[in-house]
């Protein structure tokens, strides 16, 4: 997830009042690196 407007993709069926988006990465490698950082 990410929490800045426009930082990613809005999930379909997102609960009313929720602000999270699913993060958009420049490449799959960046997604892997961010996942490792998250853990």
ModelCIF file with pLDDT and N, C-alpha, C, O atoms, coordinates in Angstrom:
data_MODEL
#
_entry.id   MODEL 
#
_entity.id                         1 
_entity.type                       polymer 
_entity.pdbx_number_of_molecules   1 
#
_entity_poly.entity_id                      1 
_entity_poly.type                           'polypeptide(L)' 
_entity_poly.nstd_linkage                   no 
_entity_poly.nstd_monomer                   no 
_entity_poly.pdbx_seq_one_letter_code       
;(UNK)(UNK)(UNK)(UNK)(UNK)(UNK)(UNK)(UNK)(UNK)(UNK)(UNK)(UNK)(UNK)(UNK)(UNK)(UNK)
(UNK)(UNK)(UNK)(UNK)(UNK)(UNK)(UNK)(UNK)(UNK)(UNK)(UNK)(UNK)(UNK)(UNK)(UNK)(UNK)
(UNK)(UNK)(UNK)(UNK)(UNK)(UNK)(UNK)
;
_entity_poly.pdbx_seq_one_letter_code_can   XXXXXXXXXXXXXXXXXXXXXXXXXXXXXXXXXXXXXXX 
_entity_poly.pdbx_strand_id                 A 
#
loop_
_entity_poly_seq.entity_id 
_entity_poly_seq.num 
_entity_poly_seq.mon_id 
_entity_poly_seq.hetero 
1 1  UNK n 
1 2  UNK n 
1 3  UNK n 
1 4  UNK n 
1 5  UNK n 
1 6  UNK n 
1 7  UNK n 
1 8  UNK n 
1 9  UNK n 
1 10 UNK n 
1 11 UNK n 
1 12 UNK n 
1 13 UNK n 
1 14 UNK n 
1 15 UNK n 
1 16 UNK n 
1 17 UNK n 
1 18 UNK n 
1 19 UNK n 
1 20 UNK n 
1 21 UNK n 
1 22 UNK n 
1 23 UNK n 
1 24 UNK n 
1 25 UNK n 
1 26 UNK n 
1 27 UNK n 
1 28 UNK n 
1 29 UNK n 
1 30 UNK n 
1 31 UNK n 
1 32 UNK n 
1 33 UNK n 
1 34 UNK n 
1 35 UNK n 
1 36 UNK n 
1 37 UNK n 
1 38 UNK n 
1 39 UNK n 
#
_struct_asym.id          A 
_struct_asym.entity_id   1 
#
loop_
_ma_qa_metric.id 
_ma_qa_metric.mode 
_ma_qa_metric.name 
_ma_qa_metric.software_group_id 
_ma_qa_metric.type 
1 global pLDDT . pLDDT 
2 local  pLDDT . pLDDT 
#
_ma_qa_metric_global.metric_id      1 
_ma_qa_metric_global.metric_value   76.49 
_ma_qa_metric_global.model_id       1 
_ma_qa_metric_global.ordinal_id     1 
#
loop_
_ma_qa_metric_local.label_asym_id 
_ma_qa_metric_local.label_comp_id 
_ma_qa_metric_local.label_seq_id 
_ma_qa_metric_local.metric_id 
_ma_qa_metric_local.metric_value 
_ma_qa_metric_local.model_id 
_ma_qa_metric_local.ordinal_id 
A UNK 1  2 66.00 1 1  
A UNK 2  2 67.00 1 2  
A UNK 3  2 61.00 1 3  
A UNK 4  2 63.00 1 4  
A UNK 5  2 71.00 1 5  
A UNK 6  2 60.00 1 6  
A UNK 7  2 65.00 1 7  
A UNK 8  2 59.00 1 8  
A UNK 9  2 61.00 1 9  
A UNK 10 2 59.00 1 10 
A UNK 11 2 63.00 1 11 
A UNK 12 2 65.00 1 12 
A UNK 13 2 70.00 1 13 
A UNK 14 2 64.00 1 14 
A UNK 15 2 66.00 1 15 
A UNK 16 2 64.00 1 16 
A UNK 17 2 60.00 1 17 
A UNK 18 2 63.00 1 18 
A UNK 19 2 55.00 1 19 
A UNK 20 2 67.00 1 20 
A UNK 21 2 70.00 1 21 
A UNK 22 2 71.00 1 22 
A UNK 23 2 80.00 1 23 
A UNK 24 2 83.00 1 24 
A UNK 25 2 90.00 1 25 
A UNK 26 2 90.00 1 26 
A UNK 27 2 94.00 1 27 
A UNK 28 2 95.00 1 28 
A UNK 29 2 96.00 1 29 
A UNK 30 2 94.00 1 30 
A UNK 31 2 94.00 1 31 
A UNK 32 2 96.00 1 32 
A UNK 33 2 94.00 1 33 
A UNK 34 2 93.00 1 34 
A UNK 35 2 95.00 1 35 
A UNK 36 2 96.00 1 36 
A UNK 37 2 94.00 1 37 
A UNK 38 2 93.00 1 38 
A UNK 39 2 96.00 1 39 
#
loop_
_atom_site.group_PDB 
_atom_site.id 
_atom_site.type_symbol 
_atom_site.label_atom_id 
_atom_site.label_alt_id 
_atom_site.label_comp_id 
_atom_site.label_asym_id 
_atom_site.label_entity_id 
_atom_site.label_seq_id 
_atom_site.pdbx_PDB_ins_code 
_atom_site.Cartn_x 
_atom_site.Cartn_y 
_atom_site.Cartn_z 
_atom_site.occupancy 
_atom_site.B_iso_or_equiv 
_atom_site.pdbx_formal_charge 
_atom_site.auth_seq_id 
_atom_site.auth_comp_id 
_atom_site.auth_asym_id 
_atom_site.auth_atom_id 
_atom_site.pdbx_PDB_model_num 
ATOM 1   N N  . UNK A 1 1  ? 0.821   -1.205 0.000   1.00 66.00 ? 1  UNK A N  1 
ATOM 2   C CA . UNK A 1 1  ? 0.000   0.000  0.000   1.00 66.00 ? 1  UNK A CA 1 
ATOM 3   C C  . UNK A 1 1  ? 0.858   1.260  0.000   1.00 66.00 ? 1  UNK A C  1 
ATOM 4   O O  . UNK A 1 1  ? 2.041   1.230  0.341   1.00 66.00 ? 1  UNK A O  1 
ATOM 5   N N  . UNK A 1 2  ? 0.227   2.372  -0.393  1.00 67.00 ? 2  UNK A N  1 
ATOM 6   C CA . UNK A 1 2  ? 0.794   3.704  -0.203  1.00 67.00 ? 2  UNK A CA 1 
ATOM 7   C C  . UNK A 1 2  ? -0.359  4.633  0.159   1.00 67.00 ? 2  UNK A C  1 
ATOM 8   O O  . UNK A 1 2  ? -1.522  4.276  -0.030  1.00 67.00 ? 2  UNK A O  1 
ATOM 9   N N  . UNK A 1 3  ? -0.051  5.825  0.678   1.00 61.00 ? 3  UNK A N  1 
ATOM 10  C CA . UNK A 1 3  ? -1.104  6.647  1.270   1.00 61.00 ? 3  UNK A CA 1 
ATOM 11  C C  . UNK A 1 3  ? -1.128  8.095  0.780   1.00 61.00 ? 3  UNK A C  1 
ATOM 12  O O  . UNK A 1 3  ? -1.792  8.941  1.379   1.00 61.00 ? 3  UNK A O  1 
ATOM 13  N N  . UNK A 1 4  ? -0.413  8.382  -0.299  1.00 63.00 ? 4  UNK A N  1 
ATOM 14  C CA . UNK A 1 4  ? -0.481  9.708  -0.898  1.00 63.00 ? 4  UNK A CA 1 
ATOM 15  C C  . UNK A 1 4  ? -1.356  9.620  -2.144  1.00 63.00 ? 4  UNK A C  1 
ATOM 16  O O  . UNK A 1 4  ? -1.210  8.690  -2.937  1.00 63.00 ? 4  UNK A O  1 
ATOM 17  N N  . UNK A 1 5  ? -2.251  10.563 -2.320  1.00 71.00 ? 5  UNK A N  1 
ATOM 18  C CA . UNK A 1 5  ? -3.154  10.521 -3.463  1.00 71.00 ? 5  UNK A CA 1 
ATOM 19  C C  . UNK A 1 5  ? -2.355  10.495 -4.756  1.00 71.00 ? 5  UNK A C  1 
ATOM 20  O O  . UNK A 1 5  ? -1.482  11.335 -4.976  1.00 71.00 ? 5  UNK A O  1 
ATOM 21  N N  . UNK A 1 6  ? -2.661  9.522  -5.610  1.00 60.00 ? 6  UNK A N  1 
ATOM 22  C CA . UNK A 1 6  ? -1.964  9.391  -6.873  1.00 60.00 ? 6  UNK A CA 1 
ATOM 23  C C  . UNK A 1 6  ? -0.689  8.578  -6.806  1.00 60.00 ? 6  UNK A C  1 
ATOM 24  O O  . UNK A 1 6  ? 0.018   8.467  -7.808  1.00 60.00 ? 6  UNK A O  1 
ATOM 25  N N  . UNK A 1 7  ? -0.372  8.002  -5.645  1.00 65.00 ? 7  UNK A N  1 
ATOM 26  C CA . UNK A 1 7  ? 0.879   7.245  -5.497  1.00 65.00 ? 7  UNK A CA 1 
ATOM 27  C C  . UNK A 1 7  ? 0.786   5.855  -6.113  1.00 65.00 ? 7  UNK A C  1 
ATOM 28  O O  . UNK A 1 7  ? 1.800   5.178  -6.280  1.00 65.00 ? 7  UNK A O  1 
ATOM 29  N N  . UNK A 1 8  ? -0.425  5.429  -6.449  1.00 59.00 ? 8  UNK A N  1 
ATOM 30  C CA . UNK A 1 8  ? -0.583  4.088  -6.987  1.00 59.00 ? 8  UNK A CA 1 
ATOM 31  C C  . UNK A 1 8  ? -1.937  3.895  -7.640  1.00 59.00 ? 8  UNK A C  1 
ATOM 32  O O  . UNK A 1 8  ? -2.499  4.821  -8.224  1.00 59.00 ? 8  UNK A O  1 
ATOM 33  N N  . UNK A 1 9  ? -2.450  2.685  -7.534  1.00 61.00 ? 9  UNK A N  1 
ATOM 34  C CA . UNK A 1 9  ? -3.726  2.308  -8.129  1.00 61.00 ? 9  UNK A CA 1 
ATOM 35  C C  . UNK A 1 9  ? -4.781  2.187  -7.043  1.00 61.00 ? 9  UNK A C  1 
ATOM 36  O O  . UNK A 1 9  ? -4.531  1.605  -5.987  1.00 61.00 ? 9  UNK A O  1 
ATOM 37  N N  . UNK A 1 10 ? -5.955  2.734  -7.300  1.00 59.00 ? 10 UNK A N  1 
ATOM 38  C CA . UNK A 1 10 ? -7.046  2.659  -6.332  1.00 59.00 ? 10 UNK A CA 1 
ATOM 39  C C  . UNK A 1 10 ? -7.678  1.270  -6.415  1.00 59.00 ? 10 UNK A C  1 
ATOM 40  O O  . UNK A 1 10 ? -8.120  0.862  -7.489  1.00 59.00 ? 10 UNK A O  1 
ATOM 41  N N  . UNK A 1 11 ? -7.728  0.537  -5.299  1.00 63.00 ? 11 UNK A N  1 
ATOM 42  C CA . UNK A 1 11 ? -8.320  -0.796 -5.326  1.00 63.00 ? 11 UNK A CA 1 
ATOM 43  C C  . UNK A 1 11 ? -9.813  -0.725 -5.652  1.00 63.00 ? 11 UNK A C  1 
ATOM 44  O O  . UNK A 1 11 ? -10.526 0.155  -5.171  1.00 63.00 ? 11 UNK A O  1 
ATOM 45  N N  . UNK A 1 12 ? -10.262 -1.653 -6.464  1.00 65.00 ? 12 UNK A N  1 
ATOM 46  C CA . UNK A 1 12 ? -11.695 -1.740 -6.730  1.00 65.00 ? 12 UNK A CA 1 
ATOM 47  C C  . UNK A 1 12 ? -12.387 -2.186 -5.452  1.00 65.00 ? 12 UNK A C  1 
ATOM 48  O O  . UNK A 1 12 ? -11.914 -3.090 -4.763  1.00 65.00 ? 12 UNK A O  1 
ATOM 49  N N  . UNK A 1 13 ? -13.502 -1.554 -5.142  1.00 70.00 ? 13 UNK A N  1 
ATOM 50  C CA . UNK A 1 13 ? -14.228 -1.917 -3.938  1.00 70.00 ? 13 UNK A CA 1 
ATOM 51  C C  . UNK A 1 13 ? -13.602 -1.396 -2.657  1.00 70.00 ? 13 UNK A C  1 
ATOM 52  O O  . UNK A 1 13 ? -13.880 -1.905 -1.572  1.00 70.00 ? 13 UNK A O  1 
ATOM 53  N N  . UNK A 1 14 ? -12.757 -0.381 -2.783  1.00 64.00 ? 14 UNK A N  1 
ATOM 54  C CA . UNK A 1 14 ? -12.150 0.212  -1.584  1.00 64.00 ? 14 UNK A CA 1 
ATOM 55  C C  . UNK A 1 14 ? -13.249 0.780  -0.690  1.00 64.00 ? 14 UNK A C  1 
ATOM 56  O O  . UNK A 1 14 ? -14.177 1.426  -1.177  1.00 64.00 ? 14 UNK A O  1 
ATOM 57  N N  . UNK A 1 15 ? -13.145 0.542  0.602   1.00 66.00 ? 15 UNK A N  1 
ATOM 58  C CA . UNK A 1 15 ? -14.179 0.982  1.547   1.00 66.00 ? 15 UNK A CA 1 
ATOM 59  C C  . UNK A 1 15 ? -14.329 2.499  1.505   1.00 66.00 ? 15 UNK A C  1 
ATOM 60  O O  . UNK A 1 15 ? -13.354 3.229  1.328   1.00 66.00 ? 15 UNK A O  1 
ATOM 61  N N  . UNK A 1 16 ? -15.545 2.950  1.668   1.00 64.00 ? 16 UNK A N  1 
ATOM 62  C CA . UNK A 1 16 ? -15.812 4.387  1.682   1.00 64.00 ? 16 UNK A CA 1 
ATOM 63  C C  . UNK A 1 16 ? -15.047 5.042  2.827   1.00 64.00 ? 16 UNK A C  1 
ATOM 64  O O  . UNK A 1 16 ? -15.070 4.559  3.959   1.00 64.00 ? 16 UNK A O  1 
ATOM 65  N N  . UNK A 1 17 ? -14.373 6.136  2.524   1.00 60.00 ? 17 UNK A N  1 
ATOM 66  C CA . UNK A 1 17 ? -13.589 6.844  3.533   1.00 60.00 ? 17 UNK A CA 1 
ATOM 67  C C  . UNK A 1 17 ? -12.138 6.402  3.590   1.00 60.00 ? 17 UNK A C  1 
ATOM 68  O O  . UNK A 1 17 ? -11.308 7.088  4.187   1.00 60.00 ? 17 UNK A O  1 
ATOM 69  N N  . UNK A 1 18 ? -11.816 5.262  2.978   1.00 63.00 ? 18 UNK A N  1 
ATOM 70  C CA . UNK A 1 18 ? -10.426 4.796  2.967   1.00 63.00 ? 18 UNK A CA 1 
ATOM 71  C C  . UNK A 1 18 ? -9.615  5.613  1.964   1.00 63.00 ? 18 UNK A C  1 
ATOM 72  O O  . UNK A 1 18 ? -10.151 6.081  0.960   1.00 63.00 ? 18 UNK A O  1 
ATOM 73  N N  . UNK A 1 19 ? -8.332  5.782  2.238   1.00 55.00 ? 19 UNK A N  1 
ATOM 74  C CA . UNK A 1 19 ? -7.493  6.622  1.369   1.00 55.00 ? 19 UNK A CA 1 
ATOM 75  C C  . UNK A 1 19 ? -6.313  5.879  0.769   1.00 55.00 ? 19 UNK A C  1 
ATOM 76  O O  . UNK A 1 19 ? -5.567  6.447  -0.029  1.00 55.00 ? 19 UNK A O  1 
ATOM 77  N N  . UNK A 1 20 ? -6.134  4.635  1.136   1.00 67.00 ? 20 UNK A N  1 
ATOM 78  C CA . UNK A 1 20 ? -4.954  3.912  0.650   1.00 67.00 ? 20 UNK A CA 1 
ATOM 79  C C  . UNK A 1 20 ? -5.081  3.586  -0.837  1.00 67.00 ? 20 UNK A C  1 
ATOM 80  O O  . UNK A 1 20 ? -6.178  3.470  -1.383  1.00 67.00 ? 20 UNK A O  1 
ATOM 81  N N  . UNK A 1 21 ? -3.920  3.443  -1.467  1.00 70.00 ? 21 UNK A N  1 
ATOM 82  C CA . UNK A 1 21 ? -3.820  2.966  -2.838  1.00 70.00 ? 21 UNK A CA 1 
ATOM 83  C C  . UNK A 1 21 ? -2.805  1.826  -2.846  1.00 70.00 ? 21 UNK A C  1 
ATOM 84  O O  . UNK A 1 21 ? -2.065  1.641  -1.880  1.00 70.00 ? 21 UNK A O  1 
ATOM 85  N N  . UNK A 1 22 ? -2.774  1.073  -3.927  1.00 71.00 ? 22 UNK A N  1 
ATOM 86  C CA . UNK A 1 22 ? -1.772  0.016  -4.052  1.00 71.00 ? 22 UNK A CA 1 
ATOM 87  C C  . UNK A 1 22 ? -0.609  0.601  -4.836  1.00 71.00 ? 22 UNK A C  1 
ATOM 88  O O  . UNK A 1 22 ? -0.776  1.043  -5.972  1.00 71.00 ? 22 UNK A O  1 
ATOM 89  N N  . UNK A 1 23 ? 0.564   0.603  -4.228  1.00 80.00 ? 23 UNK A N  1 
ATOM 90  C CA . UNK A 1 23 ? 1.725   1.339  -4.728  1.00 80.00 ? 23 UNK A CA 1 
ATOM 91  C C  . UNK A 1 23 ? 2.083   0.983  -6.163  1.00 80.00 ? 23 UNK A C  1 
ATOM 92  O O  . UNK A 1 23 ? 1.959   -0.162 -6.597  1.00 80.00 ? 23 UNK A O  1 
ATOM 93  N N  . UNK A 1 24 ? 2.531   2.002  -6.879  1.00 83.00 ? 24 UNK A N  1 
ATOM 94  C CA . UNK A 1 24 ? 2.980   1.879  -8.262  1.00 83.00 ? 24 UNK A CA 1 
ATOM 95  C C  . UNK A 1 24 ? 4.504   1.973  -8.267  1.00 83.00 ? 24 UNK A C  1 
ATOM 96  O O  . UNK A 1 24 ? 5.064   2.947  -7.764  1.00 83.00 ? 24 UNK A O  1 
ATOM 97  N N  . UNK A 1 25 ? 5.182   0.966  -8.833  1.00 90.00 ? 25 UNK A N  1 
ATOM 98  C CA . UNK A 1 25 ? 6.641   0.937  -8.848  1.00 90.00 ? 25 UNK A CA 1 
ATOM 99  C C  . UNK A 1 25 ? 7.172   1.102  -10.265 1.00 90.00 ? 25 UNK A C  1 
ATOM 100 O O  . UNK A 1 25 ? 6.517   0.724  -11.236 1.00 90.00 ? 25 UNK A O  1 
ATOM 101 N N  . UNK A 1 26 ? 8.359   1.668  -10.368 1.00 90.00 ? 26 UNK A N  1 
ATOM 102 C CA . UNK A 1 26 ? 8.979   1.905  -11.668 1.00 90.00 ? 26 UNK A CA 1 
ATOM 103 C C  . UNK A 1 26 ? 9.342   0.599  -12.362 1.00 90.00 ? 26 UNK A C  1 
ATOM 104 O O  . UNK A 1 26 ? 9.411   0.549  -13.590 1.00 90.00 ? 26 UNK A O  1 
ATOM 105 N N  . UNK A 1 27 ? 9.577   -0.461 -11.586 1.00 94.00 ? 27 UNK A N  1 
ATOM 106 C CA . UNK A 1 27 ? 9.936   -1.758 -12.161 1.00 94.00 ? 27 UNK A CA 1 
ATOM 107 C C  . UNK A 1 27 ? 9.689   -2.835 -11.109 1.00 94.00 ? 27 UNK A C  1 
ATOM 108 O O  . UNK A 1 27 ? 9.593   -2.523 -9.922  1.00 94.00 ? 27 UNK A O  1 
ATOM 109 N N  . UNK A 1 28 ? 9.585   -4.088 -11.520 1.00 95.00 ? 28 UNK A N  1 
ATOM 110 C CA . UNK A 1 28 ? 9.448   -5.174 -10.542 1.00 95.00 ? 28 UNK A CA 1 
ATOM 111 C C  . UNK A 1 28 ? 10.616  -5.234 -9.564  1.00 95.00 ? 28 UNK A C  1 
ATOM 112 O O  . UNK A 1 28 ? 10.431  -5.587 -8.400  1.00 95.00 ? 28 UNK A O  1 
ATOM 113 N N  . UNK A 1 29 ? 11.832  -4.887 -10.035 1.00 96.00 ? 29 UNK A N  1 
ATOM 114 C CA . UNK A 1 29 ? 12.971  -4.872 -9.110  1.00 96.00 ? 29 UNK A CA 1 
ATOM 115 C C  . UNK A 1 29 ? 12.716  -3.928 -7.944  1.00 96.00 ? 29 UNK A C  1 
ATOM 116 O O  . UNK A 1 29 ? 13.020  -4.256 -6.797  1.00 96.00 ? 29 UNK A O  1 
ATOM 117 N N  . UNK A 1 30 ? 12.157  -2.752 -8.236  1.00 94.00 ? 30 UNK A N  1 
ATOM 118 C CA . UNK A 1 30 ? 11.868  -1.792 -7.174  1.00 94.00 ? 30 UNK A CA 1 
ATOM 119 C C  . UNK A 1 30 ? 10.828  -2.347 -6.215  1.00 94.00 ? 30 UNK A C  1 
ATOM 120 O O  . UNK A 1 30 ? 10.875  -2.079 -5.015  1.00 94.00 ? 30 UNK A O  1 
ATOM 121 N N  . UNK A 1 31 ? 9.899   -3.112 -6.741  1.00 94.00 ? 31 UNK A N  1 
ATOM 122 C CA . UNK A 1 31 ? 8.898   -3.742 -5.885  1.00 94.00 ? 31 UNK A CA 1 
ATOM 123 C C  . UNK A 1 31 ? 9.551   -4.755 -4.948  1.00 94.00 ? 31 UNK A C  1 
ATOM 124 O O  . UNK A 1 31 ? 9.205   -4.828 -3.769  1.00 94.00 ? 31 UNK A O  1 
ATOM 125 N N  . UNK A 1 32 ? 10.493  -5.533 -5.472  1.00 96.00 ? 32 UNK A N  1 
ATOM 126 C CA . UNK A 1 32 ? 11.221  -6.508 -4.651  1.00 96.00 ? 32 UNK A CA 1 
ATOM 127 C C  . UNK A 1 32 ? 12.003  -5.801 -3.558  1.00 96.00 ? 32 UNK A C  1 
ATOM 128 O O  . UNK A 1 32 ? 11.967  -6.206 -2.396  1.00 96.00 ? 32 UNK A O  1 
ATOM 129 N N  . UNK A 1 33 ? 12.714  -4.740 -3.936  1.00 94.00 ? 33 UNK A N  1 
ATOM 130 C CA . UNK A 1 33 ? 13.528  -4.022 -2.962  1.00 94.00 ? 33 UNK A CA 1 
ATOM 131 C C  . UNK A 1 33 ? 12.644  -3.387 -1.882  1.00 94.00 ? 33 UNK A C  1 
ATOM 132 O O  . UNK A 1 33 ? 13.007  -3.389 -0.705  1.00 94.00 ? 33 UNK A O  1 
ATOM 133 N N  . UNK A 1 34 ? 11.494  -2.849 -2.275  1.00 93.00 ? 34 UNK A N  1 
ATOM 134 C CA . UNK A 1 34 ? 10.589  -2.232 -1.312  1.00 93.00 ? 34 UNK A CA 1 
ATOM 135 C C  . UNK A 1 34 ? 9.970   -3.272 -0.384  1.00 93.00 ? 34 UNK A C  1 
ATOM 136 O O  . UNK A 1 34 ? 9.768   -3.014 0.803   1.00 93.00 ? 34 UNK A O  1 
ATOM 137 N N  . UNK A 1 35 ? 9.673   -4.435 -0.925  1.00 95.00 ? 35 UNK A N  1 
ATOM 138 C CA . UNK A 1 35 ? 9.134   -5.531 -0.105  1.00 95.00 ? 35 UNK A CA 1 
ATOM 139 C C  . UNK A 1 35 ? 10.140  -5.952 0.962   1.00 95.00 ? 35 UNK A C  1 
ATOM 140 O O  . UNK A 1 35 ? 9.778   -6.135 2.124   1.00 95.00 ? 35 UNK A O  1 
ATOM 141 N N  . UNK A 1 36 ? 11.406  -6.105 0.567   1.00 96.00 ? 36 UNK A N  1 
ATOM 142 C CA . UNK A 1 36 ? 12.441  -6.467 1.532   1.00 96.00 ? 36 UNK A CA 1 
ATOM 143 C C  . UNK A 1 36 ? 12.563  -5.388 2.605   1.00 96.00 ? 36 UNK A C  1 
ATOM 144 O O  . UNK A 1 36 ? 12.681  -5.692 3.792   1.00 96.00 ? 36 UNK A O  1 
ATOM 145 N N  . UNK A 1 37 ? 12.532  -4.137 2.179   1.00 94.00 ? 37 UNK A N  1 
ATOM 146 C CA . UNK A 1 37 ? 12.588  -3.034 3.139   1.00 94.00 ? 37 UNK A CA 1 
ATOM 147 C C  . UNK A 1 37 ? 11.417  -3.081 4.105   1.00 94.00 ? 37 UNK A C  1 
ATOM 148 O O  . UNK A 1 37 ? 11.583  -2.833 5.300   1.00 94.00 ? 37 UNK A O  1 
ATOM 149 N N  . UNK A 1 38 ? 10.251  -3.393 3.602   1.00 93.00 ? 38 UNK A N  1 
ATOM 150 C CA . UNK A 1 38 ? 9.054   -3.481 4.434   1.00 93.00 ? 38 UNK A CA 1 
ATOM 151 C C  . UNK A 1 38 ? 9.221   -4.535 5.529   1.00 93.00 ? 38 UNK A C  1 
ATOM 152 O O  . UNK A 1 38 ? 8.929   -4.274 6.695   1.00 93.00 ? 38 UNK A O  1 
ATOM 153 N N  . UNK A 1 39 ? 9.695   -5.730 5.149   1.00 96.00 ? 39 UNK A N  1 
ATOM 154 C CA . UNK A 1 39 ? 9.899   -6.787 6.144   1.00 96.00 ? 39 UNK A CA 1 
ATOM 155 C C  . UNK A 1 39 ? 11.018  -6.426 7.120   1.00 96.00 ? 39 UNK A C  1 
ATOM 156 O O  . UNK A 1 39 ? 11.324  -7.203 8.024   1.00 96.00 ? 39 UNK A O  1 
#
